Amino acid sequence: MNEGNHKGIEIKGISKSYGNTQALSDINITFAPERIYGLLGQNGAGKSTLLNLITNRIFASSGTILVDGESNVENDRALSKIYMMSENTLYPEDMKLKDTFKWSAHFYPDFDTERAMKLAEMFKLKLNKKVKSLSTGYTSIFKLIIALCVNTPYLLLDEPVLGLDANHRDIFYKYLLEKYIEHPSTIIISTHLIEEVAGLIEDVVIIKEGHVIENTSKDELLSRGFTISGKAADVDAYIEKAGSLRAPGKKVLGTDSLGSLKTAYILGDRSDVPASLDISSMNLQKLFIQLTNSMDMREDA
């Protein structure tokens, strides 16, 4: 693996439709080398479609995807740099787990068999079992171990912790970070458990209804999201100001009311909040919920 020579995955004008359904619309993203991304969106937003396009499992209606500057379409050299863990298990059902490690090492020369054995012991995964005999949780564990050991420059994880209990999820996150430190790579995590991965991810891509509405660093996004709360009249006065020309670049994502009190969720600069209102930051999950529920969030909004 030629670390340091990677250009990243470039998504250029990608659209994908299924009949009359537009799954993705003119997506432009660059997943830079050696970064951990959170790919976030509600069910049906287009996250899995994008990952399947990157791995050439499906074809785009228009646009281009480049892996280290090369098209990914039917390009074994480009695709060999990517490993994607998804809901599908690609190994034969009758194969024993210990043999899947051997075949993984055959297809991925940088596969770390020693780490795979260590993780199998950590997760209490019995290697004499056949793939088809695994429970839902242990199927996820098996696929995670492979993903943590392939050491490709690009690792795509589509809902990686489905069926795992809290303890096993914690072990996975720990070893994912350990892998990243030892073998830096581009890791894209698509998940609904946003708060669990918030401490891991460096950059955030949020997709809503096939459009990218945010593509930035996690810290930059969090710095723009905040809530104000107080008397409804005071909150309404601030919202009116935020929607005027005097406050460009500010968006009111939503509001909640309780009696005479009101809370507003805001994206933008917080320096002009009056002393009559309480101000607080939003965590990533809360901000994601407000962004994806907002009626006017679009890439070009």
Protein backbone atom coordinates (compact mmCIF):
# COMPACT_ATOMS: atom_id res chain seq x y z
CA MET A 1 0.00 0.00 0.00
CA ASN A 2 1.58 3.28 -1.12
CA GLU A 3 0.57 5.48 1.76
CA GLY A 4 1.04 9.17 1.11
CA ASN A 5 0.37 8.83 -2.65
CA HIS A 6 -3.40 8.87 -2.41
CA LYS A 7 -5.56 11.64 -3.85
CA GLY A 8 -8.84 10.59 -2.26
CA ILE A 9 -12.22 9.67 -3.71
CA GLU A 10 -13.68 12.41 -5.90
CA ILE A 11 -17.43 12.44 -6.56
CA LYS A 12 -18.13 14.70 -9.53
CA GLY A 13 -21.67 15.55 -10.57
CA ILE A 14 -23.03 12.13 -9.63
CA SER A 15 -26.75 11.50 -10.11
CA LYS A 16 -28.62 8.23 -9.82
CA SER A 17 -32.23 7.51 -10.65
CA TYR A 18 -34.34 4.37 -10.46
CA GLY A 19 -37.15 4.87 -12.95
CA ASN A 20 -38.98 7.99 -11.81
CA THR A 21 -37.21 8.03 -8.44
CA GLN A 22 -34.21 10.35 -8.11
CA ALA A 23 -31.94 8.78 -5.48
CA LEU A 24 -29.04 11.23 -5.84
CA SER A 25 -28.89 14.61 -7.57
CA ASP A 26 -25.65 16.20 -8.79
CA ILE A 27 -23.46 15.13 -5.85
CA ASN A 28 -20.01 16.72 -5.57
CA ILE A 29 -17.82 15.52 -2.69
CA THR A 30 -14.16 14.74 -2.15
CA PHE A 31 -13.30 12.20 0.53
CA ALA A 32 -9.73 13.23 1.34
CA PRO A 33 -6.94 10.80 2.24
CA GLU A 34 -6.55 9.72 5.86
CA ARG A 35 -9.73 11.26 7.27
CA ILE A 36 -12.68 9.72 9.13
CA TYR A 37 -16.03 10.80 7.72
CA GLY A 38 -19.54 10.49 9.04
CA LEU A 39 -21.97 9.98 6.15
CA LEU A 40 -25.31 10.91 7.68
CA GLY A 41 -28.89 11.02 6.48
CA GLN A 42 -32.36 9.73 7.20
CA ASN A 43 -33.57 6.40 5.78
CA GLY A 44 -33.84 6.69 2.01
CA ALA A 45 -31.65 9.80 1.79
CA GLY A 46 -29.24 8.11 -0.63
CA LYS A 47 -26.32 7.09 1.63
CA SER A 48 -26.18 3.42 0.63
CA THR A 49 -26.71 4.36 -3.02
CA LEU A 50 -23.65 6.61 -2.86
CA LEU A 51 -21.50 3.90 -1.23
CA ASN A 52 -22.63 1.35 -3.82
CA LEU A 53 -21.73 3.80 -6.59
CA ILE A 54 -18.25 4.32 -5.12
CA THR A 55 -17.66 0.55 -5.10
CA ASN A 56 -19.09 0.17 -8.62
CA ARG A 57 -21.80 -2.23 -7.42
CA ILE A 58 -24.27 -0.05 -9.28
CA PHE A 59 -23.77 2.46 -12.09
CA ALA A 60 -24.44 6.20 -12.01
CA SER A 61 -27.00 7.85 -14.29
CA SER A 62 -24.49 10.67 -14.80
CA GLY A 63 -21.24 11.96 -13.34
CA THR A 64 -17.82 10.53 -12.51
CA ILE A 65 -16.16 8.90 -9.51
CA LEU A 66 -12.37 8.94 -9.32
CA VAL A 67 -10.26 6.86 -6.94
CA ASP A 68 -6.76 8.33 -6.73
CA GLY A 69 -7.45 10.07 -10.02
CA GLU A 70 -8.72 6.98 -11.86
CA SER A 71 -12.29 6.15 -12.83
CA ASN A 72 -13.80 3.45 -10.64
CA VAL A 73 -15.95 1.98 -13.42
CA GLU A 74 -14.85 -1.63 -14.02
CA ASN A 75 -11.34 -0.68 -12.90
CA ASP A 76 -9.83 -3.43 -10.76
CA ARG A 77 -6.83 -1.34 -9.77
CA ALA A 78 -9.01 1.46 -8.41
CA LEU A 79 -11.56 -0.83 -6.79
CA SER A 80 -8.87 -2.95 -5.06
CA LYS A 81 -8.11 0.11 -2.92
CA ILE A 82 -11.64 0.10 -1.47
CA TYR A 83 -13.27 -2.27 1.00
CA MET A 84 -16.94 -1.90 1.82
CA MET A 85 -18.76 -3.57 4.67
CA SER A 86 -22.49 -3.70 4.03
CA GLU A 87 -25.48 -5.82 5.02
CA ASN A 88 -24.52 -8.45 2.44
CA THR A 89 -22.17 -11.30 3.38
CA LEU A 90 -20.04 -12.08 0.33
CA TYR A 91 -18.36 -15.26 1.57
CA PRO A 92 -19.83 -18.72 0.82
CA GLU A 93 -22.27 -19.79 3.52
CA ASP A 94 -20.57 -23.18 4.00
CA MET A 95 -17.08 -21.70 4.45
CA LYS A 96 -15.54 -21.88 7.92
CA LEU A 97 -14.55 -18.57 9.43
CA LYS A 98 -10.87 -19.49 9.69
CA ASP A 99 -10.91 -20.10 5.93
CA THR A 100 -12.48 -16.70 5.26
CA PHE A 101 -9.39 -15.16 6.87
CA LYS A 102 -7.15 -17.13 4.50
CA TRP A 103 -9.13 -16.02 1.46
CA SER A 104 -9.20 -12.42 2.68
CA ALA A 105 -5.41 -12.49 2.87
CA HIS A 106 -5.35 -13.86 -0.69
CA PHE A 107 -7.52 -11.06 -2.11
CA TYR A 108 -6.14 -8.27 0.11
CA PRO A 109 -2.33 -8.58 0.41
CA ASP A 110 -2.22 -6.22 3.41
CA PHE A 111 -4.77 -8.27 5.36
CA ASP A 112 -3.60 -8.53 8.98
CA THR A 113 -4.27 -12.16 9.93
CA GLU A 114 -2.68 -11.75 13.35
CA ARG A 115 -5.03 -8.87 14.19
CA ALA A 116 -7.99 -10.85 12.84
CA MET A 117 -7.20 -13.74 15.19
CA LYS A 118 -6.80 -11.34 18.10
CA LEU A 119 -10.14 -9.69 17.38
CA ALA A 120 -11.87 -13.05 16.99
CA GLU A 121 -10.66 -13.95 20.47
CA MET A 122 -11.70 -10.55 21.82
CA PHE A 123 -15.21 -10.90 20.39
CA LYS A 124 -15.37 -14.62 21.33
CA LEU A 125 -15.92 -15.57 17.69
CA LYS A 126 -15.43 -19.32 17.15
CA LEU A 127 -13.42 -19.78 13.96
CA ASN A 128 -14.52 -23.38 13.33
CA LYS A 129 -18.07 -22.20 12.76
CA LYS A 130 -19.48 -21.82 9.27
CA VAL A 131 -20.65 -18.44 7.97
CA LYS A 132 -24.27 -19.60 7.72
CA SER A 133 -24.37 -20.65 11.40
CA LEU A 134 -23.74 -17.14 12.76
CA SER A 135 -26.43 -15.11 14.50
CA THR A 136 -27.23 -11.61 13.26
CA GLY A 137 -24.92 -10.04 15.84
CA TYR A 138 -22.04 -12.39 15.18
CA THR A 139 -22.46 -11.99 11.42
CA SER A 140 -21.84 -8.28 11.98
CA ILE A 141 -18.86 -9.07 14.22
CA PHE A 142 -17.39 -11.38 11.58
CA LYS A 143 -17.77 -8.72 8.87
CA LEU A 144 -16.31 -6.05 11.16
CA ILE A 145 -13.22 -8.13 11.85
CA ILE A 146 -12.59 -8.50 8.13
CA ALA A 147 -13.12 -4.75 7.65
CA LEU A 148 -10.72 -3.87 10.47
CA CYS A 149 -7.99 -6.07 9.02
CA VAL A 150 -8.00 -5.53 5.23
CA ASN A 151 -5.92 -2.31 5.50
CA THR A 152 -7.10 -0.84 2.20
CA PRO A 153 -6.61 2.92 1.67
CA TYR A 154 -10.40 3.40 1.64
CA LEU A 155 -12.78 1.70 4.07
CA LEU A 156 -16.56 2.11 3.72
CA LEU A 157 -18.79 1.02 6.60
CA ASP A 158 -22.54 0.95 5.94
CA GLU A 159 -24.41 0.65 9.27
CA PRO A 160 -21.55 -1.40 10.71
CA VAL A 161 -22.89 -2.10 14.20
CA LEU A 162 -26.37 -3.45 13.41
CA GLY A 163 -27.28 -6.18 15.89
CA LEU A 164 -24.37 -5.48 18.25
CA ASP A 165 -24.86 -4.88 21.95
CA ALA A 166 -23.34 -1.83 23.64
CA ASN A 167 -20.25 -3.70 24.82
CA HIS A 168 -19.42 -5.06 21.37
CA ARG A 169 -20.04 -1.65 19.79
CA ASP A 170 -17.60 -0.11 22.25
CA ILE A 171 -14.96 -2.72 21.39
CA PHE A 172 -15.43 -2.04 17.68
CA TYR A 173 -15.06 1.73 18.03
CA LYS A 174 -11.91 1.23 20.11
CA TYR A 175 -10.26 -1.00 17.53
CA LEU A 176 -11.42 1.12 14.59
CA LEU A 177 -9.57 4.07 16.11
CA GLU A 178 -6.55 1.87 16.86
CA LYS A 179 -6.51 0.69 13.24
CA TYR A 180 -6.74 4.28 12.00
CA ILE A 181 -3.81 5.37 14.15
CA GLU A 182 -1.63 2.42 13.08
CA HIS A 183 -2.69 2.39 9.41
CA PRO A 184 -4.12 5.82 8.45
CA SER A 185 -6.77 5.54 5.76
CA THR A 186 -9.97 7.16 4.58
CA ILE A 187 -12.86 5.74 6.61
CA ILE A 188 -16.46 6.56 5.73
CA ILE A 189 -19.01 5.54 8.37
CA SER A 190 -22.69 5.58 7.45
CA THR A 191 -24.72 5.15 10.65
CA HIS A 192 -27.82 6.16 12.57
CA LEU A 193 -25.98 5.98 15.90
CA ILE A 194 -24.61 9.49 15.49
CA GLU A 195 -23.67 10.23 19.08
CA GLU A 196 -21.70 6.98 19.31
CA VAL A 197 -19.45 7.92 16.38
CA ALA A 198 -19.32 11.66 17.08
CA GLY A 199 -16.04 11.28 18.95
CA LEU A 200 -14.46 9.33 16.06
CA ILE A 201 -15.39 11.31 12.96
CA GLU A 202 -13.50 14.37 11.74
CA ASP A 203 -15.69 15.41 8.83
CA VAL A 204 -19.43 15.30 8.21
CA VAL A 205 -21.39 14.78 4.98
CA ILE A 206 -25.16 15.07 5.42
CA ILE A 207 -27.48 13.97 2.63
CA LYS A 208 -31.16 14.87 2.50
CA GLU A 209 -33.45 13.56 -0.23
CA GLY A 210 -30.53 12.93 -2.56
CA HIS A 211 -28.89 16.34 -2.02
CA VAL A 212 -25.80 17.22 0.01
CA ILE A 213 -26.85 19.81 2.61
CA GLU A 214 -23.62 19.84 4.63
CA ASN A 215 -20.05 18.88 3.71
CA THR A 216 -17.60 20.24 6.25
CA SER A 217 -15.54 19.41 9.30
CA LYS A 218 -17.43 18.26 12.38
CA ASP A 219 -15.99 21.06 14.48
CA GLU A 220 -16.95 23.74 11.96
CA LEU A 221 -20.50 22.44 11.73
CA LEU A 222 -20.90 22.26 15.50
CA SER A 223 -19.55 25.80 15.85
CA ARG A 224 -22.46 27.08 13.72
CA GLY A 225 -25.29 25.24 15.45
CA PHE A 226 -26.87 26.63 18.61
CA THR A 227 -30.18 27.02 20.44
CA ILE A 228 -31.75 30.09 21.98
CA SER A 229 -34.50 29.93 24.58
CA GLY A 230 -36.54 32.36 26.63
CA LYS A 231 -39.81 34.24 26.49
CA ALA A 232 -41.63 33.56 23.24
CA ALA A 233 -41.81 37.27 22.35
CA ASP A 234 -38.04 37.67 22.77
CA VAL A 235 -37.29 34.53 20.73
CA ASP A 236 -39.69 35.64 17.98
CA ALA A 237 -38.01 39.05 17.85
CA TYR A 238 -34.61 37.41 17.38
CA ILE A 239 -35.96 35.02 14.74
CA GLU A 240 -37.42 37.93 12.81
CA LYS A 241 -34.05 39.65 12.90
CA ALA A 242 -32.28 36.44 11.87
CA GLY A 243 -34.50 36.20 8.81
CA SER A 244 -33.81 39.76 7.72
CA LEU A 245 -31.04 41.17 5.56
CA ARG A 246 -29.31 42.32 8.74
CA ALA A 247 -28.29 38.74 9.50
CA PRO A 248 -27.08 37.08 6.27
CA GLY A 249 -26.02 33.46 6.43
CA LYS A 250 -28.21 32.60 9.41
CA LYS A 251 -30.92 29.94 9.24
CA VAL A 252 -33.69 29.14 11.70
CA LEU A 253 -33.93 25.34 11.54
CA GLY A 254 -36.93 24.89 13.83
CA THR A 255 -38.66 25.90 17.05
CA ASP A 256 -40.30 24.31 20.10
CA SER A 257 -42.82 26.03 22.39
CA LEU A 258 -43.96 25.31 25.93
CA GLY A 259 -46.46 27.80 27.30
CA SER A 260 -44.94 31.25 27.19
CA LEU A 261 -41.43 29.86 26.61
CA LYS A 262 -39.87 29.10 23.26
CA THR A 263 -36.70 27.48 21.91
CA ALA A 264 -35.26 28.07 18.46
CA TYR A 265 -32.58 26.02 16.70
CA ILE A 266 -30.22 28.22 14.69
CA LEU A 267 -27.42 27.69 12.19
CA GLY A 268 -25.00 30.59 11.86
CA ASP A 269 -23.18 33.23 13.89
CA ARG A 270 -24.19 33.50 17.54
CA SER A 271 -22.44 36.75 18.46
CA ASP A 272 -25.61 38.88 18.23
CA VAL A 273 -27.78 36.91 20.70
CA PRO A 274 -29.19 39.35 23.29
CA ALA A 275 -28.68 38.85 27.02
CA SER A 276 -32.43 38.24 27.46
CA LEU A 277 -32.05 34.84 25.78
CA ASP A 278 -30.25 31.72 26.97
CA ILE A 279 -27.86 30.26 24.43
CA SER A 280 -26.49 26.72 24.26
CA SER A 281 -24.70 24.49 21.78
CA MET A 282 -26.21 21.48 20.02
CA ASN A 283 -24.54 18.09 19.94
CA LEU A 284 -24.08 16.44 16.54
CA GLN A 285 -27.18 14.26 16.77
CA LYS A 286 -29.47 17.14 17.73
CA LEU A 287 -28.04 19.32 15.00
CA PHE A 288 -28.46 16.52 12.46
CA ILE A 289 -32.12 16.08 13.45
CA GLN A 290 -32.80 19.79 13.07
CA LEU A 291 -30.95 20.04 9.76
CA THR A 292 -32.73 17.08 8.19
CA ASN A 293 -36.16 18.16 9.47
CA SER A 294 -35.73 21.74 8.27
CA MET A 295 -37.82 22.52 5.20
CA ASP A 296 -35.33 24.77 3.38
CA MET A 297 -31.96 23.00 3.75
CA ARG A 298 -30.34 22.33 0.38
CA GLU A 299 -26.77 22.40 -0.87
CA ASP A 300 -27.44 25.67 -2.69
CA ALA A 301 -29.83 27.18 -0.11
